[in-house]
Amino acid sequence: VWQFLQHINAPIGGANIDLEARTAI
C-alpha cells in the first residue's frame, strides 16, 4: 500500500520554552 507521509508540526507553546531546542527541531 502507498503510505502518504503526514505533516509534522513545529513545536509551539508549552510552559518551559527551550529556544535552542526549538531552533534545532
PDB file of all heavy atoms in Angstrom:
ATOM      1  N   VAL A   1       0.852  -1.197   0.000  1.00  0.00           N
ATOM      2  CA  VAL A   1       0.000   0.000   0.000  1.00  0.00           C
ATOM      3  C   VAL A   1       0.882   1.239   0.000  1.00  0.00           C
ATOM      4  O   VAL A   1       1.914   1.278   0.680  1.00  0.00           O
ATOM      5  CB  VAL A   1      -0.920   0.014   1.252  1.00  0.00           C
ATOM      6  CG1 VAL A   1      -1.794   1.246   1.281  1.00  0.00           C
ATOM      7  CG2 VAL A   1      -1.764  -1.239   1.331  1.00  0.00           C
ATOM      8  N   TRP A   2       0.474   2.266  -0.734  1.00  0.00           N
ATOM      9  CA  TRP A   2       1.172   3.552  -0.660  1.00  0.00           C
ATOM     10  C   TRP A   2       0.797   4.235   0.643  1.00  0.00           C
ATOM     11  O   TRP A   2      -0.382   4.469   0.914  1.00  0.00           O
ATOM     12  CB  TRP A   2       0.793   4.449  -1.838  1.00  0.00           C
ATOM     13  CG  TRP A   2       1.413   4.022  -3.124  1.00  0.00           C
ATOM     14  CD1 TRP A   2       0.800   3.390  -4.165  1.00  0.00           C
ATOM     15  CD2 TRP A   2       2.782   4.195  -3.511  1.00  0.00           C
ATOM     16  NE1 TRP A   2       1.708   3.160  -5.169  1.00  0.00           N
ATOM     17  CE2 TRP A   2       2.926   3.644  -4.798  1.00  0.00           C
ATOM     18  CE3 TRP A   2       3.896   4.765  -2.892  1.00  0.00           C
ATOM     19  CZ2 TRP A   2       4.144   3.647  -5.474  1.00  0.00           C
ATOM     20  CZ3 TRP A   2       5.102   4.766  -3.573  1.00  0.00           C
ATOM     21  CH2 TRP A   2       5.225   4.218  -4.841  1.00  0.00           C
ATOM     22  N   GLN A   3       1.788   4.528   1.466  1.00  0.00           N
ATOM     23  CA  GLN A   3       1.587   5.239   2.729  1.00  0.00           C
ATOM     24  C   GLN A   3       2.012   6.687   2.524  1.00  0.00           C
ATOM     25  O   GLN A   3       3.188   6.955   2.253  1.00  0.00           O
ATOM     26  CB  GLN A   3       2.446   4.610   3.838  1.00  0.00           C
ATOM     27  CG  GLN A   3       2.192   3.147   4.063  1.00  0.00           C
ATOM     28  CD  GLN A   3       0.898   2.896   4.808  1.00  0.00           C
ATOM     29  OE1 GLN A   3       0.449   3.719   5.588  1.00  0.00           O
ATOM     30  NE2 GLN A   3       0.296   1.748   4.552  1.00  0.00           N
ATOM     31  N   PHE A   4       1.074   7.615   2.640  1.00  0.00           N
ATOM     32  CA  PHE A   4       1.392   9.027   2.462  1.00  0.00           C
ATOM     33  C   PHE A   4       1.914   9.592   3.774  1.00  0.00           C
ATOM     34  O   PHE A   4       1.322   9.373   4.832  1.00  0.00           O
ATOM     35  CB  PHE A   4       0.170   9.801   1.959  1.00  0.00           C
ATOM     36  CG  PHE A   4      -0.103   9.509   0.512  1.00  0.00           C
ATOM     37  CD1 PHE A   4      -0.810   8.379   0.140  1.00  0.00           C
ATOM     38  CD2 PHE A   4       0.398  10.337  -0.472  1.00  0.00           C
ATOM     39  CE1 PHE A   4      -1.032   8.083  -1.191  1.00  0.00           C
ATOM     40  CE2 PHE A   4       0.180  10.056  -1.809  1.00  0.00           C
ATOM     41  CZ  PHE A   4      -0.536   8.928  -2.165  1.00  0.00           C
ATOM     42  N   LEU A   5       3.036  10.274   3.694  1.00  0.00           N
ATOM     43  CA  LEU A   5       3.672  10.816   4.889  1.00  0.00           C
ATOM     44  C   LEU A   5       2.872  11.992   5.418  1.00  0.00           C
ATOM     45  O   LEU A   5       2.426  12.851   4.648  1.00  0.00           O
ATOM     46  CB  LEU A   5       5.107  11.239   4.566  1.00  0.00           C
ATOM     47  CG  LEU A   5       5.988  10.131   3.983  1.00  0.00           C
ATOM     48  CD1 LEU A   5       7.361  10.667   3.646  1.00  0.00           C
ATOM     49  CD2 LEU A   5       6.095   8.968   4.958  1.00  0.00           C
ATOM     50  N   GLN A   6       2.717  12.027   6.699  1.00  0.00           N
ATOM     51  CA  GLN A   6       1.931  13.068   7.352  1.00  0.00           C
ATOM     52  C   GLN A   6       2.794  14.280   7.689  1.00  0.00           C
ATOM     53  O   GLN A   6       3.985  14.151   7.934  1.00  0.00           O
ATOM     54  CB  GLN A   6       1.288  12.520   8.625  1.00  0.00           C
ATOM     55  CG  GLN A   6       0.346  11.363   8.383  1.00  0.00           C
ATOM     56  CD  GLN A   6      -0.817  11.743   7.500  1.00  0.00           C
ATOM     57  OE1 GLN A   6      -1.456  12.772   7.710  1.00  0.00           O
ATOM     58  NE2 GLN A   6      -1.092  10.941   6.494  1.00  0.00           N
ATOM     59  N   HIS A   7       2.165  15.421   7.741  1.00  0.00           N
ATOM     60  CA  HIS A   7       2.840  16.658   8.122  1.00  0.00           C
ATOM     61  C   HIS A   7       3.193  16.616   9.608  1.00  0.00           C
ATOM     62  O   HIS A   7       2.410  16.134  10.425  1.00  0.00           O
ATOM     63  CB  HIS A   7       1.923  17.848   7.827  1.00  0.00           C
ATOM     64  CG  HIS A   7       2.455  19.139   8.320  1.00  0.00           C
ATOM     65  ND1 HIS A   7       3.493  19.781   7.703  1.00  0.00           N
ATOM     66  CD2 HIS A   7       2.111  19.895   9.381  1.00  0.00           C
ATOM     67  CE1 HIS A   7       3.763  20.889   8.371  1.00  0.00           C
ATOM     68  NE2 HIS A   7       2.936  20.980   9.386  1.00  0.00           N
ATOM     69  N   ILE A   8       4.369  17.080   9.949  1.00  0.00           N
ATOM     70  CA  ILE A   8       4.791  17.189  11.350  1.00  0.00           C
ATOM     71  C   ILE A   8       4.894  18.665  11.692  1.00  0.00           C
ATOM     72  O   ILE A   8       5.628  19.409  11.037  1.00  0.00           O
ATOM     73  CB  ILE A   8       6.147  16.496  11.586  1.00  0.00           C
ATOM     74  CG1 ILE A   8       6.028  15.009  11.282  1.00  0.00           C
ATOM     75  CG2 ILE A   8       6.618  16.719  13.016  1.00  0.00           C
ATOM     76  CD1 ILE A   8       7.329  14.264  11.358  1.00  0.00           C
ATOM     77  N   ASN A   9       4.153  19.084  12.688  1.00  0.00           N
ATOM     78  CA  ASN A   9       4.161  20.493  13.091  1.00  0.00           C
ATOM     79  C   ASN A   9       5.400  20.827  13.914  1.00  0.00           C
ATOM     80  O   ASN A   9       5.883  20.000  14.690  1.00  0.00           O
ATOM     81  CB  ASN A   9       2.918  20.819  13.928  1.00  0.00           C
ATOM     82  CG  ASN A   9       1.655  20.737  13.113  1.00  0.00           C
ATOM     83  OD1 ASN A   9       1.617  21.166  11.966  1.00  0.00           O
ATOM     84  ND2 ASN A   9       0.621  20.169  13.698  1.00  0.00           N
ATOM     85  N   ALA A  10       5.866  22.040  13.734  1.00  0.00           N
ATOM     86  CA  ALA A  10       6.956  22.540  14.569  1.00  0.00           C
ATOM     87  C   ALA A  10       6.420  22.765  15.983  1.00  0.00           C
ATOM     88  O   ALA A  10       5.223  22.982  16.179  1.00  0.00           O
ATOM     89  CB  ALA A  10       7.497  23.842  13.990  1.00  0.00           C
ATOM     90  N   PRO A  11       7.277  22.694  16.982  1.00  0.00           N
ATOM     91  CA  PRO A  11       6.812  22.895  18.362  1.00  0.00           C
ATOM     92  C   PRO A  11       6.339  24.330  18.602  1.00  0.00           C
ATOM     93  O   PRO A  11       6.943  25.276  18.109  1.00  0.00           O
ATOM     94  CB  PRO A  11       8.039  22.566  19.206  1.00  0.00           C
ATOM     95  CG  PRO A  11       9.199  22.710  18.295  1.00  0.00           C
ATOM     96  CD  PRO A  11       8.699  22.434  16.918  1.00  0.00           C
ATOM     97  N   ILE A  12       5.237  24.436  19.340  1.00  0.00           N
ATOM     98  CA  ILE A  12       4.719  25.756  19.745  1.00  0.00           C
ATOM     99  C   ILE A  12       4.199  25.639  21.175  1.00  0.00           C
ATOM    100  O   ILE A  12       3.861  24.551  21.634  1.00  0.00           O
ATOM    101  CB  ILE A  12       3.594  26.269  18.820  1.00  0.00           C
ATOM    102  CG1 ILE A  12       2.450  25.257  18.754  1.00  0.00           C
ATOM    103  CG2 ILE A  12       4.117  26.568  17.431  1.00  0.00           C
ATOM    104  CD1 ILE A  12       1.224  25.774  18.028  1.00  0.00           C
ATOM    105  N   GLY A  13       4.125  26.771  21.849  1.00  0.00           N
ATOM    106  CA  GLY A  13       3.558  26.800  23.196  1.00  0.00           C
ATOM    107  C   GLY A  13       4.380  26.029  24.220  1.00  0.00           C
ATOM    108  O   GLY A  13       5.547  25.724  24.005  1.00  0.00           O
ATOM    109  N   GLY A  14       3.751  25.732  25.333  1.00  0.00           N
ATOM    110  CA  GLY A  14       4.409  24.986  26.397  1.00  0.00           C
ATOM    111  C   GLY A  14       4.762  25.871  27.574  1.00  0.00           C
ATOM    112  O   GLY A  14       4.899  27.088  27.452  1.00  0.00           O
ATOM    113  N   ALA A  15       4.930  25.268  28.740  1.00  0.00           N
ATOM    114  CA  ALA A  15       5.254  26.009  29.959  1.00  0.00           C
ATOM    115  C   ALA A  15       6.716  26.434  29.981  1.00  0.00           C
ATOM    116  O   ALA A  15       7.044  27.557  30.368  1.00  0.00           O
ATOM    117  CB  ALA A  15       4.934  25.153  31.182  1.00  0.00           C
ATOM    118  N   ASN A  16       7.605  25.549  29.577  1.00  0.00           N
ATOM    119  CA  ASN A  16       9.043  25.848  29.541  1.00  0.00           C
ATOM    120  C   ASN A  16       9.524  25.791  28.099  1.00  0.00           C
ATOM    121  O   ASN A  16       9.538  24.720  27.488  1.00  0.00           O
ATOM    122  CB  ASN A  16       9.836  24.841  30.385  1.00  0.00           C
ATOM    123  CG  ASN A  16       9.441  24.905  31.834  1.00  0.00           C
ATOM    124  OD1 ASN A  16       9.322  25.993  32.402  1.00  0.00           O
ATOM    125  ND2 ASN A  16       9.219  23.756  32.439  1.00  0.00           N
ATOM    126  N   ILE A  17       9.904  26.933  27.559  1.00  0.00           N
ATOM    127  CA  ILE A  17      10.313  27.004  26.158  1.00  0.00           C
ATOM    128  C   ILE A  17      11.835  27.029  26.079  1.00  0.00           C
ATOM    129  O   ILE A  17      12.484  27.909  26.641  1.00  0.00           O
ATOM    130  CB  ILE A  17       9.706  28.244  25.476  1.00  0.00           C
ATOM    131  CG1 ILE A  17       8.180  28.122  25.500  1.00  0.00           C
ATOM    132  CG2 ILE A  17      10.234  28.391  24.064  1.00  0.00           C
ATOM    133  CD1 ILE A  17       7.453  29.337  24.991  1.00  0.00           C
ATOM    134  N   ASP A  18      12.377  26.052  25.382  1.00  0.00           N
ATOM    135  CA  ASP A  18      13.815  25.958  25.140  1.00  0.00           C
ATOM    136  C   ASP A  18      14.065  26.408  23.709  1.00  0.00           C
ATOM    137  O   ASP A  18      13.843  25.657  22.759  1.00  0.00           O
ATOM    138  CB  ASP A  18      14.277  24.514  25.364  1.00  0.00           C
ATOM    139  CG  ASP A  18      15.772  24.349  25.207  1.00  0.00           C
ATOM    140  OD1 ASP A  18      16.401  25.185  24.524  1.00  0.00           O
ATOM    141  OD2 ASP A  18      16.309  23.369  25.746  1.00  0.00           O
ATOM    142  N   LEU A  19      14.492  27.662  23.541  1.00  0.00           N
ATOM    143  CA  LEU A  19      14.674  28.230  22.210  1.00  0.00           C
ATOM    144  C   LEU A  19      15.732  27.493  21.391  1.00  0.00           C
ATOM    145  O   LEU A  19      15.584  27.322  20.184  1.00  0.00           O
ATOM    146  CB  LEU A  19      15.013  29.716  22.307  1.00  0.00           C
ATOM    147  CG  LEU A  19      13.886  30.602  22.849  1.00  0.00           C
ATOM    148  CD1 LEU A  19      14.352  32.056  22.952  1.00  0.00           C
ATOM    149  CD2 LEU A  19      12.666  30.503  21.955  1.00  0.00           C
ATOM    150  N   GLU A  20      16.793  27.054  22.021  1.00  0.00           N
ATOM    151  CA  GLU A  20      17.826  26.318  21.292  1.00  0.00           C
ATOM    152  C   GLU A  20      17.287  24.987  20.768  1.00  0.00           C
ATOM    153  O   GLU A  20      17.557  24.600  19.629  1.00  0.00           O
ATOM    154  CB  GLU A  20      19.046  26.073  22.188  1.00  0.00           C
ATOM    155  CG  GLU A  20      19.846  27.332  22.464  1.00  0.00           C
ATOM    156  CD  GLU A  20      21.041  27.075  23.368  1.00  0.00           C
ATOM    157  OE1 GLU A  20      21.429  25.903  23.551  1.00  0.00           O
ATOM    158  OE2 GLU A  20      21.581  28.050  23.881  1.00  0.00           O
ATOM    159  N   ALA A  21      16.520  24.281  21.586  1.00  0.00           N
ATOM    160  CA  ALA A  21      15.937  23.012  21.160  1.00  0.00           C
ATOM    161  C   ALA A  21      14.944  23.235  20.021  1.00  0.00           C
ATOM    162  O   ALA A  21      14.926  22.490  19.036  1.00  0.00           O
ATOM    163  CB  ALA A  21      15.258  22.307  22.322  1.00  0.00           C
ATOM    164  N   ARG A  22      14.127  24.286  20.142  1.00  0.00           N
ATOM    165  CA  ARG A  22      13.147  24.581  19.078  1.00  0.00           C
ATOM    166  C   ARG A  22      13.840  24.960  17.775  1.00  0.00           C
ATOM    167  O   ARG A  22      13.412  24.544  16.708  1.00  0.00           O
ATOM    168  CB  ARG A  22      12.204  25.690  19.512  1.00  0.00           C
ATOM    169  CG  ARG A  22      11.231  25.184  20.530  1.00  0.00           C
ATOM    170  CD  ARG A  22      10.074  26.068  20.686  1.00  0.00           C
ATOM    171  NE  ARG A  22       9.194  25.456  21.683  1.00  0.00           N
ATOM    172  CZ  ARG A  22       8.079  25.998  22.065  1.00  0.00           C
ATOM    173  NH1 ARG A  22       7.693  27.143  21.566  1.00  0.00           N
ATOM    174  NH2 ARG A  22       7.331  25.397  22.955  1.00  0.00           N
ATOM    175  N   THR A  23      14.917  25.716  17.856  1.00  0.00           N
ATOM    176  CA  THR A  23      15.670  26.075  16.654  1.00  0.00           C
ATOM    177  C   THR A  23      16.239  24.821  15.999  1.00  0.00           C
ATOM    178  O   THR A  23      16.185  24.659  14.776  1.00  0.00           O
ATOM    179  CB  THR A  23      16.801  27.064  17.003  1.00  0.00           C
ATOM    180  OG1 THR A  23      16.215  28.242  17.577  1.00  0.00           O
ATOM    181  CG2 THR A  23      17.607  27.443  15.779  1.00  0.00           C
ATOM    182  N   ALA A  24      16.761  23.913  16.815  1.00  0.00           N
ATOM    183  CA  ALA A  24      17.312  22.655  16.289  1.00  0.00           C
ATOM    184  C   ALA A  24      16.216  21.812  15.635  1.00  0.00           C
ATOM    185  O   ALA A  24      16.399  21.275  14.536  1.00  0.00           O
ATOM    186  CB  ALA A  24      18.002  21.879  17.393  1.00  0.00           C
ATOM    187  N   ILE A  25      15.066  21.692  16.292  1.00  0.00           N
ATOM    188  CA  ILE A  25      13.949  20.911  15.743  1.00  0.00           C
ATOM    189  C   ILE A  25      13.452  21.532  14.444  1.00  0.00           C
ATOM    190  O   ILE A  25      13.224  20.832  13.455  1.00  0.00           O
ATOM    191  CB  ILE A  25      12.813  20.776  16.777  1.00  0.00           C
ATOM    192  CG1 ILE A  25      13.270  19.901  17.944  1.00  0.00           C
ATOM    193  CG2 ILE A  25      11.549  20.215  16.134  1.00  0.00           C
ATOM    194  CD1 ILE A  25      12.347  19.931  19.144  1.00  0.00           C
TER     195      ILE A  25
END
